[in-house]
């Protein structure tokens, strides 16, 4: 080993030993997957797909497209919760379409989210056509739902 290799190896050892504590103290306990990535499989075999996701080793899932039609959630939220529990999965969050935020849908979304154990309901985007038709959209998206439209999804509230 020449002098240059020795100095490089010594420096690398010093850096890795200096930051080695960070890896052991900052471990990711739960790895999750957004179910949008397996949306086609979910449509064909909802229960089987969740079982496969759990078998791979995921502990958390984030729903997407489940709330596409709030009037008929399929399978029903209570059944989904049973499936999640059987597979050892948690669903801390979901993505919902902008239509789910409508006053006639929002209470149903919140109730389903509560049954599923979700702490977060996210509307990640708005269709361009909706933006064109609704100039006050940004102010409505930022409002905190009040009264019958609000519910505690996680503790503390």
C-alpha atoms as a PDB file:
ATOM      1  CA  UNK A   1       0.000   0.000   0.000  1.00  0.00           C
ATOM      2  CA  UNK A   2       1.436   3.341  -0.969  1.00  0.00           C
ATOM      3  CA  UNK A   3       1.199   6.558   1.026  1.00  0.00           C
ATOM      4  CA  UNK A   4      -1.672   7.997  -1.067  1.00  0.00           C
ATOM      5  CA  UNK A   5      -3.825   4.849  -0.626  1.00  0.00           C
ATOM      6  CA  UNK A   6      -3.112   4.791   3.101  1.00  0.00           C
ATOM      7  CA  UNK A   7      -4.167   8.428   3.581  1.00  0.00           C
ATOM      8  CA  UNK A   8      -7.340   7.895   1.520  1.00  0.00           C
ATOM      9  CA  UNK A   9      -8.268   4.767   3.484  1.00  0.00           C
ATOM     10  CA  UNK A  10      -7.581   6.464   6.810  1.00  0.00           C
ATOM     11  CA  UNK A  11      -9.723   9.451   5.842  1.00  0.00           C
ATOM     12  CA  UNK A  12     -12.589   7.197   4.711  1.00  0.00           C
ATOM     13  CA  UNK A  13     -12.407   5.249   7.971  1.00  0.00           C
ATOM     14  CA  UNK A  14     -12.435   8.453  10.010  1.00  0.00           C
ATOM     15  CA  UNK A  15     -15.486   9.805   8.154  1.00  0.00           C
ATOM     16  CA  UNK A  16     -17.519   6.585   8.345  1.00  0.00           C
ATOM     17  CA  UNK A  17     -16.749   6.006  12.011  1.00  0.00           C
ATOM     18  CA  UNK A  18     -17.624   9.632  12.763  1.00  0.00           C
ATOM     19  CA  UNK A  19     -21.102   9.336  11.186  1.00  0.00           C
ATOM     20  CA  UNK A  20     -21.782   5.687  11.972  1.00  0.00           C
ATOM     21  CA  UNK A  21     -23.870   6.696  15.001  1.00  0.00           C
ATOM     22  CA  UNK A  22     -26.380   8.428  12.721  1.00  0.00           C
ATOM     23  CA  UNK A  23     -27.339   5.237  10.925  1.00  0.00           C
ATOM     24  CA  UNK A  24     -28.032   3.315  14.119  1.00  0.00           C
ATOM     25  CA  UNK A  25     -30.054   6.125  15.726  1.00  0.00           C
ATOM     26  CA  UNK A  26     -32.072   7.104  12.671  1.00  0.00           C
ATOM     27  CA  UNK A  27     -33.448   3.809  11.464  1.00  0.00           C
ATOM     28  CA  UNK A  28     -36.639   3.724   9.459  1.00  0.00           C
ATOM     29  CA  UNK A  29     -38.968   1.460  11.404  1.00  0.00           C
ATOM     30  CA  UNK A  30     -41.823   1.228   8.917  1.00  0.00           C
ATOM     31  CA  UNK A  31     -41.470   1.195   5.164  1.00  0.00           C
ATOM     32  CA  UNK A  32     -44.601   2.049   3.200  1.00  0.00           C
ATOM     33  CA  UNK A  33     -45.836   1.947  -0.357  1.00  0.00           C
ATOM     34  CA  UNK A  34     -48.345   4.100  -2.174  1.00  0.00           C
ATOM     35  CA  UNK A  35     -50.980   1.754  -3.566  1.00  0.00           C
ATOM     36  CA  UNK A  36     -51.207   3.775  -6.766  1.00  0.00           C
ATOM     37  CA  UNK A  37     -48.191   1.746  -7.884  1.00  0.00           C
ATOM     38  CA  UNK A  38     -50.301  -1.441  -7.790  1.00  0.00           C
ATOM     39  CA  UNK A  39     -53.644   0.124  -8.754  1.00  0.00           C
ATOM     40  CA  UNK A  40     -54.338  -2.298 -11.597  1.00  0.00           C
ATOM     41  CA  UNK A  41     -53.659  -5.312  -9.376  1.00  0.00           C
ATOM     42  CA  UNK A  42     -55.896  -3.858  -6.653  1.00  0.00           C
ATOM     43  CA  UNK A  43     -58.791  -3.614  -9.104  1.00  0.00           C
ATOM     44  CA  UNK A  44     -58.373  -7.274 -10.067  1.00  0.00           C
ATOM     45  CA  UNK A  45     -57.688  -8.702  -6.587  1.00  0.00           C
ATOM     46  CA  UNK A  46     -57.893  -6.190  -3.741  1.00  0.00           C
ATOM     47  CA  UNK A  47     -57.345  -8.593  -0.860  1.00  0.00           C
ATOM     48  CA  UNK A  48     -54.677 -10.660  -2.607  1.00  0.00           C
ATOM     49  CA  UNK A  49     -52.712  -7.601  -3.656  1.00  0.00           C
ATOM     50  CA  UNK A  50     -52.620  -6.260  -0.090  1.00  0.00           C
ATOM     51  CA  UNK A  51     -51.487  -9.686   1.120  1.00  0.00           C
ATOM     52  CA  UNK A  52     -48.646  -9.655  -1.414  1.00  0.00           C
ATOM     53  CA  UNK A  53     -47.649  -6.122  -0.403  1.00  0.00           C
ATOM     54  CA  UNK A  54     -47.460  -7.267   3.229  1.00  0.00           C
ATOM     55  CA  UNK A  55     -45.557 -10.428   2.302  1.00  0.00           C
ATOM     56  CA  UNK A  56     -42.897  -8.334   0.564  1.00  0.00           C
ATOM     57  CA  UNK A  57     -42.329  -6.626   3.907  1.00  0.00           C
ATOM     58  CA  UNK A  58     -44.227  -3.362   3.761  1.00  0.00           C
ATOM     59  CA  UNK A  59     -45.889  -2.281   7.009  1.00  0.00           C
ATOM     60  CA  UNK A  60     -47.772   0.793   5.800  1.00  0.00           C
ATOM     61  CA  UNK A  61     -49.784   1.586   2.695  1.00  0.00           C
ATOM     62  CA  UNK A  62     -51.086   4.859   1.344  1.00  0.00           C
ATOM     63  CA  UNK A  63     -54.314   4.595  -0.578  1.00  0.00           C
ATOM     64  CA  UNK A  64     -54.835   6.331  -3.904  1.00  0.00           C
ATOM     65  CA  UNK A  65     -57.875   5.896  -6.146  1.00  0.00           C
ATOM     66  CA  UNK A  66     -59.858   4.245  -3.328  1.00  0.00           C
ATOM     67  CA  UNK A  67     -61.869   7.459  -2.968  1.00  0.00           C
ATOM     68  CA  UNK A  68     -62.338   7.936  -6.728  1.00  0.00           C
ATOM     69  CA  UNK A  69     -66.090   7.339  -6.302  1.00  0.00           C
ATOM     70  CA  UNK A  70     -67.035   8.287  -2.757  1.00  0.00           C
ATOM     71  CA  UNK A  71     -70.649   7.170  -3.236  1.00  0.00           C
ATOM     72  CA  UNK A  72     -69.587   3.519  -3.501  1.00  0.00           C
ATOM     73  CA  UNK A  73     -66.365   2.687  -1.727  1.00  0.00           C
ATOM     74  CA  UNK A  74     -65.472  -0.853  -2.748  1.00  0.00           C
ATOM     75  CA  UNK A  75     -64.702  -2.776  -0.648  1.00  0.00           C
ATOM     76  CA  UNK A  76     -66.422  -0.951   2.217  1.00  0.00           C
ATOM     77  CA  UNK A  77     -64.110   0.745   4.751  1.00  0.00           C
ATOM     78  CA  UNK A  78     -64.857  -1.755   7.543  1.00  0.00           C
ATOM     79  CA  UNK A  79     -63.913  -4.654   5.254  1.00  0.00           C
ATOM     80  CA  UNK A  80     -60.743  -2.864   4.152  1.00  0.00           C
ATOM     81  CA  UNK A  81     -59.810  -2.376   7.808  1.00  0.00           C
ATOM     82  CA  UNK A  82     -60.275  -6.109   8.438  1.00  0.00           C
ATOM     83  CA  UNK A  83     -58.009  -6.909   5.476  1.00  0.00           C
ATOM     84  CA  UNK A  84     -55.349  -4.439   6.642  1.00  0.00           C
ATOM     85  CA  UNK A  85     -55.420  -5.860  10.168  1.00  0.00           C
ATOM     86  CA  UNK A  86     -55.196  -9.451   8.899  1.00  0.00           C
ATOM     87  CA  UNK A  87     -52.127  -8.550   6.835  1.00  0.00           C
ATOM     88  CA  UNK A  88     -50.482  -6.505   9.600  1.00  0.00           C
ATOM     89  CA  UNK A  89     -50.712  -3.310   7.577  1.00  0.00           C
ATOM     90  CA  UNK A  90     -51.509   0.255   8.607  1.00  0.00           C
ATOM     91  CA  UNK A  91     -52.880   2.983   6.345  1.00  0.00           C
ATOM     92  CA  UNK A  92     -51.812   6.326   7.814  1.00  0.00           C
ATOM     93  CA  UNK A  93     -52.768   8.397   4.766  1.00  0.00           C
ATOM     94  CA  UNK A  94     -54.666   8.581   1.507  1.00  0.00           C
ATOM     95  CA  UNK A  95     -54.787  10.657  -1.632  1.00  0.00           C
ATOM     96  CA  UNK A  96     -58.229  11.821  -2.682  1.00  0.00           C
ATOM     97  CA  UNK A  97     -59.444  13.522  -5.844  1.00  0.00           C
ATOM     98  CA  UNK A  98     -60.674  17.100  -5.625  1.00  0.00           C
ATOM     99  CA  UNK A  99     -64.265  15.847  -5.952  1.00  0.00           C
ATOM    100  CA  UNK A 100     -63.873  14.142  -2.562  1.00  0.00           C
ATOM    101  CA  UNK A 101     -63.590  17.588  -0.964  1.00  0.00           C
ATOM    102  CA  UNK A 102     -67.089  18.564  -2.078  1.00  0.00           C
ATOM    103  CA  UNK A 103     -69.481  19.253   0.827  1.00  0.00           C
ATOM    104  CA  UNK A 104     -71.632  16.238  -0.057  1.00  0.00           C
ATOM    105  CA  UNK A 105     -68.592  13.888  -0.112  1.00  0.00           C
ATOM    106  CA  UNK A 106     -66.282  15.237   2.576  1.00  0.00           C
ATOM    107  CA  UNK A 107     -68.102  13.798   5.624  1.00  0.00           C
ATOM    108  CA  UNK A 108     -68.126  10.340   3.995  1.00  0.00           C
ATOM    109  CA  UNK A 109     -64.400  10.626   3.218  1.00  0.00           C
ATOM    110  CA  UNK A 110     -63.576  11.602   6.786  1.00  0.00           C
ATOM    111  CA  UNK A 111     -65.663   8.805   8.264  1.00  0.00           C
ATOM    112  CA  UNK A 112     -64.016   6.212   6.012  1.00  0.00           C
ATOM    113  CA  UNK A 113     -60.567   7.619   6.823  1.00  0.00           C
ATOM    114  CA  UNK A 114     -61.328   7.331  10.515  1.00  0.00           C
ATOM    115  CA  UNK A 115     -62.457   3.700  10.155  1.00  0.00           C
ATOM    116  CA  UNK A 116     -59.257   2.937   8.237  1.00  0.00           C
ATOM    117  CA  UNK A 117     -57.086   4.582  10.899  1.00  0.00           C
ATOM    118  CA  UNK A 118     -55.808   7.345   8.670  1.00  0.00           C
ATOM    119  CA  UNK A 119     -54.337  10.512  10.113  1.00  0.00           C
ATOM    120  CA  UNK A 120     -53.952  12.326   6.798  1.00  0.00           C
ATOM    121  CA  UNK A 121     -56.244  12.944   3.843  1.00  0.00           C
ATOM    122  CA  UNK A 122     -54.404  14.648   0.992  1.00  0.00           C
ATOM    123  CA  UNK A 123     -55.634  16.185  -2.237  1.00  0.00           C
ATOM    124  CA  UNK A 124     -52.394  16.194  -4.252  1.00  0.00           C
ATOM    125  CA  UNK A 125     -53.640  17.939  -7.377  1.00  0.00           C
ATOM    126  CA  UNK A 126     -56.567  19.560  -9.098  1.00  0.00           C
ATOM    127  CA  UNK A 127     -57.664  18.867 -12.660  1.00  0.00           C
ATOM    128  CA  UNK A 128     -56.950  21.761 -15.046  1.00  0.00           C
ATOM    129  CA  UNK A 129     -60.609  21.970 -16.072  1.00  0.00           C
ATOM    130  CA  UNK A 130     -61.604  22.485 -12.438  1.00  0.00           C
ATOM    131  CA  UNK A 131     -59.026  25.274 -12.132  1.00  0.00           C
ATOM    132  CA  UNK A 132     -60.449  27.055 -15.169  1.00  0.00           C
ATOM    133  CA  UNK A 133     -63.994  26.879 -13.819  1.00  0.00           C
ATOM    134  CA  UNK A 134     -63.150  27.907 -10.281  1.00  0.00           C
ATOM    135  CA  UNK A 135     -61.017  31.063  -9.836  1.00  0.00           C
ATOM    136  CA  UNK A 136     -61.420  31.038  -6.041  1.00  0.00           C
ATOM    137  CA  UNK A 137     -60.097  27.482  -5.781  1.00  0.00           C
ATOM    138  CA  UNK A 138     -56.902  28.276  -3.885  1.00  0.00           C
ATOM    139  CA  UNK A 139     -58.765  29.978  -1.059  1.00  0.00           C
ATOM    140  CA  UNK A 140     -61.187  27.048  -0.810  1.00  0.00           C
ATOM    141  CA  UNK A 141     -58.397  24.468  -0.780  1.00  0.00           C
ATOM    142  CA  UNK A 142     -56.623  26.230   2.078  1.00  0.00           C
ATOM    143  CA  UNK A 143     -59.643  26.530   4.319  1.00  0.00           C
ATOM    144  CA  UNK A 144     -59.942  24.331   7.360  1.00  0.00           C
ATOM    145  CA  UNK A 145     -63.221  22.405   7.239  1.00  0.00           C
ATOM    146  CA  UNK A 146     -65.546  23.507  10.013  1.00  0.00           C
ATOM    147  CA  UNK A 147     -68.469  22.062  11.940  1.00  0.00           C
ATOM    148  CA  UNK A 148     -69.898  18.821  10.640  1.00  0.00           C
ATOM    149  CA  UNK A 149     -67.092  18.551   8.092  1.00  0.00           C
ATOM    150  CA  UNK A 150     -64.315  18.214  10.651  1.00  0.00           C
ATOM    151  CA  UNK A 151     -63.383  15.126  12.589  1.00  0.00           C
ATOM    152  CA  UNK A 152     -60.425  14.087  14.689  1.00  0.00           C
ATOM    153  CA  UNK A 153     -58.454  11.561  12.638  1.00  0.00           C
ATOM    154  CA  UNK A 154     -55.567  11.135  15.062  1.00  0.00           C
ATOM    155  CA  UNK A 155     -54.747  11.976  18.660  1.00  0.00           C
ATOM    156  CA  UNK A 156     -54.267  14.551  20.135  1.00  0.00           C
ATOM    157  CA  UNK A 157     -57.069  16.659  18.700  1.00  0.00           C
END
